[in-house]
Amino acid sequence: MIKKGAKVKILTGRDKNKEGEVIEIDRSNYRAKIKDINIVKKHVKTTKEKKGGIFSKENFIHISNLSLINTKQKIKKKEVKK
């Protein structure tokens, strides 16, 4: 199961074979944000409170395009009784 903070590998798309850490999950839409992966440009209009411009940010990726990397978890083997 993919959770926040987990290490994942991208399986498809322009960021294929890259690895990153999950920073946000949208469970209702089955999507996750990965740090420094799937960067998009966001154009923001200037307002009284904020300065406008073009900002880069991470966008969501569908969970089916991710593979969990188990680096710290150990796989337990079942003992066979004779």
PDB file of N, CA and C in Angstrom:
ATOM      1  N   MET A   1       0.843  -1.180   0.000  1.00  0.00           N
ATOM      2  CA  MET A   1       0.000   0.000   0.000  1.00  0.00           C
ATOM      3  C   MET A   1       0.886   1.241   0.000  1.00  0.00           C
ATOM      4  N   ILE A   2       0.546   2.176  -0.850  1.00  0.00           N
ATOM      5  CA  ILE A   2       1.325   3.406  -0.969  1.00  0.00           C
ATOM      6  C   ILE A   2       0.833   4.407   0.070  1.00  0.00           C
ATOM      7  N   LYS A   3       1.765   4.899   0.882  1.00  0.00           N
ATOM      8  CA  LYS A   3       1.451   5.861   1.935  1.00  0.00           C
ATOM      9  C   LYS A   3       2.360   7.078   1.801  1.00  0.00           C
ATOM     10  N   LYS A   4       2.017   8.128   2.518  1.00  0.00           N
ATOM     11  CA  LYS A   4       2.836   9.335   2.536  1.00  0.00           C
ATOM     12  C   LYS A   4       4.215   8.999   3.108  1.00  0.00           C
ATOM     13  N   GLY A   5       5.259   9.443   2.429  1.00  0.00           N
ATOM     14  CA  GLY A   5       6.622   9.179   2.880  1.00  0.00           C
ATOM     15  C   GLY A   5       7.239   7.932   2.264  1.00  0.00           C
ATOM     16  N   ALA A   6       6.455   7.141   1.528  1.00  0.00           N
ATOM     17  CA  ALA A   6       6.966   5.912   0.921  1.00  0.00           C
ATOM     18  C   ALA A   6       7.798   6.227  -0.318  1.00  0.00           C
ATOM     19  N   LYS A   7       8.784   5.379  -0.594  1.00  0.00           N
ATOM     20  CA  LYS A   7       9.597   5.513  -1.803  1.00  0.00           C
ATOM     21  C   LYS A   7       8.908   4.744  -2.927  1.00  0.00           C
ATOM     22  N   VAL A   8       8.752   5.415  -4.078  1.00  0.00           N
ATOM     23  CA  VAL A   8       8.089   4.777  -5.213  1.00  0.00           C
ATOM     24  C   VAL A   8       8.906   4.980  -6.481  1.00  0.00           C
ATOM     25  N   LYS A   9       8.634   4.131  -7.483  1.00  0.00           N
ATOM     26  CA  LYS A   9       9.261   4.218  -8.798  1.00  0.00           C
ATOM     27  C   LYS A   9       8.159   4.482  -9.811  1.00  0.00           C
ATOM     28  N   ILE A  10       8.412   5.387 -10.769  1.00  0.00           N
ATOM     29  CA  ILE A  10       7.443   5.726 -11.796  1.00  0.00           C
ATOM     30  C   ILE A  10       7.555   4.700 -12.916  1.00  0.00           C
ATOM     31  N   LEU A  11       6.408   4.120 -13.333  1.00  0.00           N
ATOM     32  CA  LEU A  11       6.410   3.071 -14.343  1.00  0.00           C
ATOM     33  C   LEU A  11       6.165   3.583 -15.756  1.00  0.00           C
ATOM     34  N   THR A  12       5.420   4.682 -15.925  1.00  0.00           N
ATOM     35  CA  THR A  12       5.094   5.178 -17.254  1.00  0.00           C
ATOM     36  C   THR A  12       5.198   6.698 -17.303  1.00  0.00           C
ATOM     37  N   GLY A  13       5.155   7.236 -18.526  1.00  0.00           N
ATOM     38  CA  GLY A  13       5.153   8.684 -18.702  1.00  0.00           C
ATOM     39  C   GLY A  13       6.537   9.265 -18.913  1.00  0.00           C
ATOM     40  N   ARG A  14       6.612  10.590 -18.932  1.00  0.00           N
ATOM     41  CA  ARG A  14       7.887  11.260 -19.216  1.00  0.00           C
ATOM     42  C   ARG A  14       8.896  11.106 -18.092  1.00  0.00           C
ATOM     43  N   ASP A  15       8.451  10.759 -16.891  1.00  0.00           N
ATOM     44  CA  ASP A  15       9.350  10.558 -15.750  1.00  0.00           C
ATOM     45  C   ASP A  15       9.581   9.078 -15.466  1.00  0.00           C
ATOM     46  N   LYS A  16       9.463   8.236 -16.485  1.00  0.00           N
ATOM     47  CA  LYS A  16       9.602   6.787 -16.333  1.00  0.00           C
ATOM     48  C   LYS A  16      10.957   6.422 -15.735  1.00  0.00           C
ATOM     49  N   ASN A  17      10.954   5.445 -14.836  1.00  0.00           N
ATOM     50  CA  ASN A  17      12.132   4.899 -14.149  1.00  0.00           C
ATOM     51  C   ASN A  17      12.750   5.848 -13.127  1.00  0.00           C
ATOM     52  N   LYS A  18      12.122   6.974 -12.844  1.00  0.00           N
ATOM     53  CA  LYS A  18      12.602   7.868 -11.787  1.00  0.00           C
ATOM     54  C   LYS A  18      12.013   7.408 -10.461  1.00  0.00           C
ATOM     55  N   GLU A  19      12.725   7.729  -9.386  1.00  0.00           N
ATOM     56  CA  GLU A  19      12.274   7.366  -8.045  1.00  0.00           C
ATOM     57  C   GLU A  19      12.076   8.622  -7.224  1.00  0.00           C
ATOM     58  N   GLY A  20      11.120   8.569  -6.297  1.00  0.00           N
ATOM     59  CA  GLY A  20      10.861   9.713  -5.448  1.00  0.00           C
ATOM     60  C   GLY A  20      10.048   9.330  -4.231  1.00  0.00           C
ATOM     61  N   GLU A  21       9.755  10.337  -3.414  1.00  0.00           N
ATOM     62  CA  GLU A  21       9.031  10.140  -2.159  1.00  0.00           C
ATOM     63  C   GLU A  21       7.633  10.742  -2.283  1.00  0.00           C
ATOM     64  N   VAL A  22       6.643  10.022  -1.788  1.00  0.00           N
ATOM     65  CA  VAL A  22       5.262  10.490  -1.829  1.00  0.00           C
ATOM     66  C   VAL A  22       5.098  11.627  -0.821  1.00  0.00           C
ATOM     67  N   ILE A  23       4.557  12.774  -1.287  1.00  0.00           N
ATOM     68  CA  ILE A  23       4.355  13.909  -0.388  1.00  0.00           C
ATOM     69  C   ILE A  23       2.879  14.181  -0.113  1.00  0.00           C
ATOM     70  N   GLU A  24       1.985  13.647  -0.971  1.00  0.00           N
ATOM     71  CA  GLU A  24       0.548  13.853  -0.774  1.00  0.00           C
ATOM     72  C   GLU A  24      -0.216  12.764  -1.511  1.00  0.00           C
ATOM     73  N   ILE A  25      -1.347  12.340  -0.941  1.00  0.00           N
ATOM     74  CA  ILE A  25      -2.182  11.317  -1.569  1.00  0.00           C
ATOM     75  C   ILE A  25      -3.623  11.798  -1.617  1.00  0.00           C
ATOM     76  N   ASP A  26      -4.267  11.587  -2.774  1.00  0.00           N
ATOM     77  CA  ASP A  26      -5.691  11.861  -2.964  1.00  0.00           C
ATOM     78  C   ASP A  26      -6.372  10.508  -3.160  1.00  0.00           C
ATOM     79  N   ARG A  27      -6.835   9.910  -2.069  1.00  0.00           N
ATOM     80  CA  ARG A  27      -7.391   8.555  -2.108  1.00  0.00           C
ATOM     81  C   ARG A  27      -8.688   8.460  -2.904  1.00  0.00           C
ATOM     82  N   SER A  28      -9.503   9.514  -2.909  1.00  0.00           N
ATOM     83  CA  SER A  28     -10.782   9.448  -3.615  1.00  0.00           C
ATOM     84  C   SER A  28     -10.592   9.364  -5.128  1.00  0.00           C
ATOM     85  N   ASN A  29      -9.502   9.937  -5.651  1.00  0.00           N
ATOM     86  CA  ASN A  29      -9.223   9.898  -7.087  1.00  0.00           C
ATOM     87  C   ASN A  29      -8.064   8.965  -7.444  1.00  0.00           C
ATOM     88  N   TYR A  30      -7.520   8.231  -6.465  1.00  0.00           N
ATOM     89  CA  TYR A  30      -6.416   7.279  -6.657  1.00  0.00           C
ATOM     90  C   TYR A  30      -5.194   7.954  -7.273  1.00  0.00           C
ATOM     91  N   ARG A  31      -4.778   9.087  -6.698  1.00  0.00           N
ATOM     92  CA  ARG A  31      -3.642   9.831  -7.219  1.00  0.00           C
ATOM     93  C   ARG A  31      -2.677  10.193  -6.094  1.00  0.00           C
ATOM     94  N   ALA A  32      -1.404  10.404  -6.461  1.00  0.00           N
ATOM     95  CA  ALA A  32      -0.383  10.756  -5.482  1.00  0.00           C
ATOM     96  C   ALA A  32       0.560  11.801  -6.079  1.00  0.00           C
ATOM     97  N   LYS A  33       1.098  12.673  -5.211  1.00  0.00           N
ATOM     98  CA  LYS A  33       2.130  13.635  -5.610  1.00  0.00           C
ATOM     99  C   LYS A  33       3.470  13.090  -5.157  1.00  0.00           C
ATOM    100  N   ILE A  34       4.454  13.137  -6.058  1.00  0.00           N
ATOM    101  CA  ILE A  34       5.788  12.653  -5.766  1.00  0.00           C
ATOM    102  C   ILE A  34       6.745  13.845  -5.814  1.00  0.00           C
ATOM    103  N   LYS A  35       7.655  13.914  -4.849  1.00  0.00           N
ATOM    104  CA  LYS A  35       8.586  15.034  -4.759  1.00  0.00           C
ATOM    105  C   LYS A  35       9.481  15.098  -6.001  1.00  0.00           C
ATOM    106  N   ASP A  36       9.511  16.272  -6.646  1.00  0.00           N
ATOM    107  CA  ASP A  36      10.333  16.572  -7.826  1.00  0.00           C
ATOM    108  C   ASP A  36      10.010  15.705  -9.041  1.00  0.00           C
ATOM    109  N   ILE A  37       8.793  15.161  -9.127  1.00  0.00           N
ATOM    110  CA  ILE A  37       8.347  14.356 -10.266  1.00  0.00           C
ATOM    111  C   ILE A  37       7.078  14.984 -10.830  1.00  0.00           C
ATOM    112  N   ASN A  38       6.906  14.924 -12.161  1.00  0.00           N
ATOM    113  CA  ASN A  38       5.741  15.456 -12.861  1.00  0.00           C
ATOM    114  C   ASN A  38       5.574  16.960 -12.578  1.00  0.00           C
ATOM    115  N   ILE A  39       6.631  17.711 -12.825  1.00  0.00           N
ATOM    116  CA  ILE A  39       6.632  19.164 -12.599  1.00  0.00           C
ATOM    117  C   ILE A  39       5.858  19.849 -13.729  1.00  0.00           C
ATOM    118  N   VAL A  40       4.935  20.739 -13.349  1.00  0.00           N
ATOM    119  CA  VAL A  40       4.153  21.509 -14.311  1.00  0.00           C
ATOM    120  C   VAL A  40       4.304  22.996 -14.003  1.00  0.00           C
ATOM    121  N   LYS A  41       4.032  23.830 -15.005  1.00  0.00           N
ATOM    122  CA  LYS A  41       4.085  25.285 -14.837  1.00  0.00           C
ATOM    123  C   LYS A  41       2.691  25.790 -14.496  1.00  0.00           C
ATOM    124  N   LYS A  42       2.584  26.630 -13.478  1.00  0.00           N
ATOM    125  CA  LYS A  42       1.319  27.216 -13.045  1.00  0.00           C
ATOM    126  C   LYS A  42       1.415  28.722 -13.223  1.00  0.00           C
ATOM    127  N   HIS A  43       0.523  29.287 -14.049  1.00  0.00           N
ATOM    128  CA  HIS A  43       0.485  30.735 -14.270  1.00  0.00           C
ATOM    129  C   HIS A  43      -0.459  31.361 -13.254  1.00  0.00           C
ATOM    130  N   VAL A  44       0.051  32.306 -12.458  1.00  0.00           N
ATOM    131  CA  VAL A  44      -0.728  32.924 -11.384  1.00  0.00           C
ATOM    132  C   VAL A  44      -0.862  34.409 -11.668  1.00  0.00           C
ATOM    133  N   LYS A  45      -2.091  34.890 -11.586  1.00  0.00           N
ATOM    134  CA  LYS A  45      -2.373  36.304 -11.820  1.00  0.00           C
ATOM    135  C   LYS A  45      -2.038  37.111 -10.564  1.00  0.00           C
ATOM    136  N   THR A  46      -1.530  38.313 -10.737  1.00  0.00           N
ATOM    137  CA  THR A  46      -1.182  39.181  -9.612  1.00  0.00           C
ATOM    138  C   THR A  46      -2.445  39.682  -8.923  1.00  0.00           C
ATOM    139  N   THR A  47      -2.443  39.643  -7.583  1.00  0.00           N
ATOM    140  CA  THR A  47      -3.539  40.181  -6.778  1.00  0.00           C
ATOM    141  C   THR A  47      -2.959  41.143  -5.760  1.00  0.00           C
ATOM    142  N   LYS A  48      -3.815  41.702  -4.920  1.00  0.00           N
ATOM    143  CA  LYS A  48      -3.341  42.619  -3.887  1.00  0.00           C
ATOM    144  C   LYS A  48      -2.468  41.904  -2.864  1.00  0.00           C
ATOM    145  N   GLU A  49      -2.798  40.641  -2.581  1.00  0.00           N
ATOM    146  CA  GLU A  49      -2.072  39.890  -1.552  1.00  0.00           C
ATOM    147  C   GLU A  49      -0.839  39.167  -2.095  1.00  0.00           C
ATOM    148  N   LYS A  50      -0.913  38.681  -3.343  1.00  0.00           N
ATOM    149  CA  LYS A  50       0.162  37.838  -3.871  1.00  0.00           C
ATOM    150  C   LYS A  50       0.726  38.402  -5.161  1.00  0.00           C
ATOM    151  N   LYS A  51       2.025  38.143  -5.353  1.00  0.00           N
ATOM    152  CA  LYS A  51       2.679  38.514  -6.593  1.00  0.00           C
ATOM    153  C   LYS A  51       2.429  37.401  -7.611  1.00  0.00           C
ATOM    154  N   GLY A  52       2.178  37.765  -8.849  1.00  0.00           N
ATOM    155  CA  GLY A  52       1.911  36.779  -9.888  1.00  0.00           C
ATOM    156  C   GLY A  52       3.179  36.296 -10.553  1.00  0.00           C
ATOM    157  N   GLY A  53       3.006  35.430 -11.535  1.00  0.00           N
ATOM    158  CA  GLY A  53       4.144  34.919 -12.283  1.00  0.00           C
ATOM    159  C   GLY A  53       3.921  33.477 -12.674  1.00  0.00           C
ATOM    160  N   ILE A  54       4.981  32.838 -13.109  1.00  0.00           N
ATOM    161  CA  ILE A  54       4.940  31.430 -13.501  1.00  0.00           C
ATOM    162  C   ILE A  54       5.686  30.632 -12.444  1.00  0.00           C
ATOM    163  N   PHE A  55       4.993  29.684 -11.837  1.00  0.00           N
ATOM    164  CA  PHE A  55       5.559  28.862 -10.774  1.00  0.00           C
ATOM    165  C   PHE A  55       5.588  27.399 -11.191  1.00  0.00           C
ATOM    166  N   SER A  56       6.599  26.672 -10.770  1.00  0.00           N
ATOM    167  CA  SER A  56       6.691  25.236 -11.015  1.00  0.00           C
ATOM    168  C   SER A  56       6.223  24.496  -9.773  1.00  0.00           C
ATOM    169  N   LYS A  57       5.424  23.444  -9.982  1.00  0.00           N
ATOM    170  CA  LYS A  57       4.959  22.643  -8.854  1.00  0.00           C
ATOM    171  C   LYS A  57       4.728  21.213  -9.305  1.00  0.00           C
ATOM    172  N   GLU A  58       4.651  20.295  -8.331  1.00  0.00           N
ATOM    173  CA  GLU A  58       4.377  18.901  -8.622  1.00  0.00           C
ATOM    174  C   GLU A  58       2.889  18.714  -8.904  1.00  0.00           C
ATOM    175  N   ASN A  59       2.569  17.810  -9.822  1.00  0.00           N
ATOM    176  CA  ASN A  59       1.190  17.483 -10.119  1.00  0.00           C
ATOM    177  C   ASN A  59       0.942  16.030  -9.737  1.00  0.00           C
ATOM    178  N   PHE A  60      -0.321  15.646  -9.625  1.00  0.00           N
ATOM    179  CA  PHE A  60      -0.671  14.293  -9.228  1.00  0.00           C
ATOM    180  C   PHE A  60      -0.391  13.284 -10.336  1.00  0.00           C
ATOM    181  N   ILE A  61      -0.066  12.035  -9.931  1.00  0.00           N
ATOM    182  CA  ILE A  61       0.128  10.897 -10.827  1.00  0.00           C
ATOM    183  C   ILE A  61      -0.803   9.789 -10.342  1.00  0.00           C
ATOM    184  N   HIS A  62      -1.421   9.069 -11.274  1.00  0.00           N
ATOM    185  CA  HIS A  62      -2.320   7.983 -10.897  1.00  0.00           C
ATOM    186  C   HIS A  62      -1.519   6.869 -10.208  1.00  0.00           C
ATOM    187  N   ILE A  63      -2.098   6.287  -9.181  1.00  0.00           N
ATOM    188  CA  ILE A  63      -1.405   5.285  -8.369  1.00  0.00           C
ATOM    189  C   ILE A  63      -1.041   4.040  -9.184  1.00  0.00           C
ATOM    190  N   SER A  64      -1.800   3.740 -10.247  1.00  0.00           N
ATOM    191  CA  SER A  64      -1.498   2.563 -11.072  1.00  0.00           C
ATOM    192  C   SER A  64      -0.184   2.722 -11.829  1.00  0.00           C
ATOM    193  N   ASN A  65       0.327   3.940 -11.933  1.00  0.00           N
ATOM    194  CA  ASN A  65       1.590   4.199 -12.622  1.00  0.00           C
ATOM    195  C   ASN A  65       2.777   4.228 -11.666  1.00  0.00           C
ATOM    196  N   LEU A  66       2.571   3.804 -10.421  1.00  0.00           N
ATOM    197  CA  LEU A  66       3.621   3.802  -9.405  1.00  0.00           C
ATOM    198  C   LEU A  66       3.893   2.385  -8.927  1.00  0.00           C
ATOM    199  N   SER A  67       5.129   2.141  -8.526  1.00  0.00           N
ATOM    200  CA  SER A  67       5.513   0.868  -7.943  1.00  0.00           C
ATOM    201  C   SER A  67       6.234   1.143  -6.634  1.00  0.00           C
ATOM    202  N   LEU A  68       5.804   0.482  -5.577  1.00  0.00           N
ATOM    203  CA  LEU A  68       6.386   0.675  -4.256  1.00  0.00           C
ATOM    204  C   LEU A  68       7.768   0.036  -4.190  1.00  0.00           C
ATOM    205  N   ILE A  69       8.732   0.757  -3.636  1.00  0.00           N
ATOM    206  CA  ILE A  69      10.089   0.228  -3.449  1.00  0.00           C
ATOM    207  C   ILE A  69      10.234  -0.165  -1.993  1.00  0.00           C
ATOM    208  N   ASN A  70      10.420  -1.452  -1.731  1.00  0.00           N
ATOM    209  CA  ASN A  70      10.556  -1.950  -0.361  1.00  0.00           C
ATOM    210  C   ASN A  70      12.035  -2.029  -0.011  1.00  0.00           C
ATOM    211  N   THR A  71      12.592  -0.950   0.502  1.00  0.00           N
ATOM    212  CA  THR A  71      14.003  -0.959   0.851  1.00  0.00           C
ATOM    213  C   THR A  71      14.238  -1.364   2.300  1.00  0.00           C
ATOM    214  N   LYS A  72      13.325  -0.993   3.192  1.00  0.00           N
ATOM    215  CA  LYS A  72      13.536  -1.261   4.612  1.00  0.00           C
ATOM    216  C   LYS A  72      12.755  -2.463   5.119  1.00  0.00           C
ATOM    217  N   GLN A  73      11.754  -2.897   4.381  1.00  0.00           N
ATOM    218  CA  GLN A  73      10.915  -3.990   4.849  1.00  0.00           C
ATOM    219  C   GLN A  73      11.566  -5.328   4.515  1.00  0.00           C
ATOM    220  N   LYS A  74      11.520  -6.239   5.464  1.00  0.00           N
ATOM    221  CA  LYS A  74      12.057  -7.572   5.245  1.00  0.00           C
ATOM    222  C   LYS A  74      10.914  -8.504   4.875  1.00  0.00           C
ATOM    223  N   ILE A  75      11.179  -9.406   3.974  1.00  0.00           N
ATOM    224  CA  ILE A  75      10.171 -10.378   3.568  1.00  0.00           C
ATOM    225  C   ILE A  75      10.327 -11.610   4.443  1.00  0.00           C
ATOM    226  N   LYS A  76       9.238 -11.969   5.114  1.00  0.00           N
ATOM    227  CA  LYS A  76       9.265 -13.130   5.993  1.00  0.00           C
ATOM    228  C   LYS A  76       8.929 -14.378   5.187  1.00  0.00           C
ATOM    229  N   LYS A  77       9.708 -15.414   5.386  1.00  0.00           N
ATOM    230  CA  LYS A  77       9.469 -16.684   4.702  1.00  0.00           C
ATOM    231  C   LYS A  77       8.741 -17.619   5.648  1.00  0.00           C
ATOM    232  N   LYS A  78       7.762 -18.326   5.113  1.00  0.00           N
ATOM    233  CA  LYS A  78       7.027 -19.292   5.925  1.00  0.00           C
ATOM    234  C   LYS A  78       7.890 -20.534   6.126  1.00  0.00           C
ATOM    235  N   GLU A  79       7.835 -21.040   7.355  1.00  0.00           N
ATOM    236  CA  GLU A  79       8.597 -22.247   7.655  1.00  0.00           C
ATOM    237  C   GLU A  79       7.790 -23.456   7.203  1.00  0.00           C
ATOM    238  N   VAL A  80       8.477 -24.382   6.591  1.00  0.00           N
ATOM    239  CA  VAL A  80       7.830 -25.594   6.116  1.00  0.00           C
ATOM    240  C   VAL A  80       8.006 -26.674   7.164  1.00  0.00           C
ATOM    241  N   LYS A  81       6.851 -27.224   7.614  1.00  0.00           N
ATOM    242  CA  LYS A  81       6.908 -28.301   8.606  1.00  0.00           C
ATOM    243  C   LYS A  81       7.075 -29.635   7.904  1.00  0.00           C
ATOM    244  N   LYS A  82       7.966 -30.473   8.452  1.00  0.00           N
ATOM    245  CA  LYS A  82       8.221 -31.793   7.858  1.00  0.00           C
ATOM    246  C   LYS A  82       7.657 -32.888   8.706  1.00  0.00           C
TER     247      LYS A  82
END
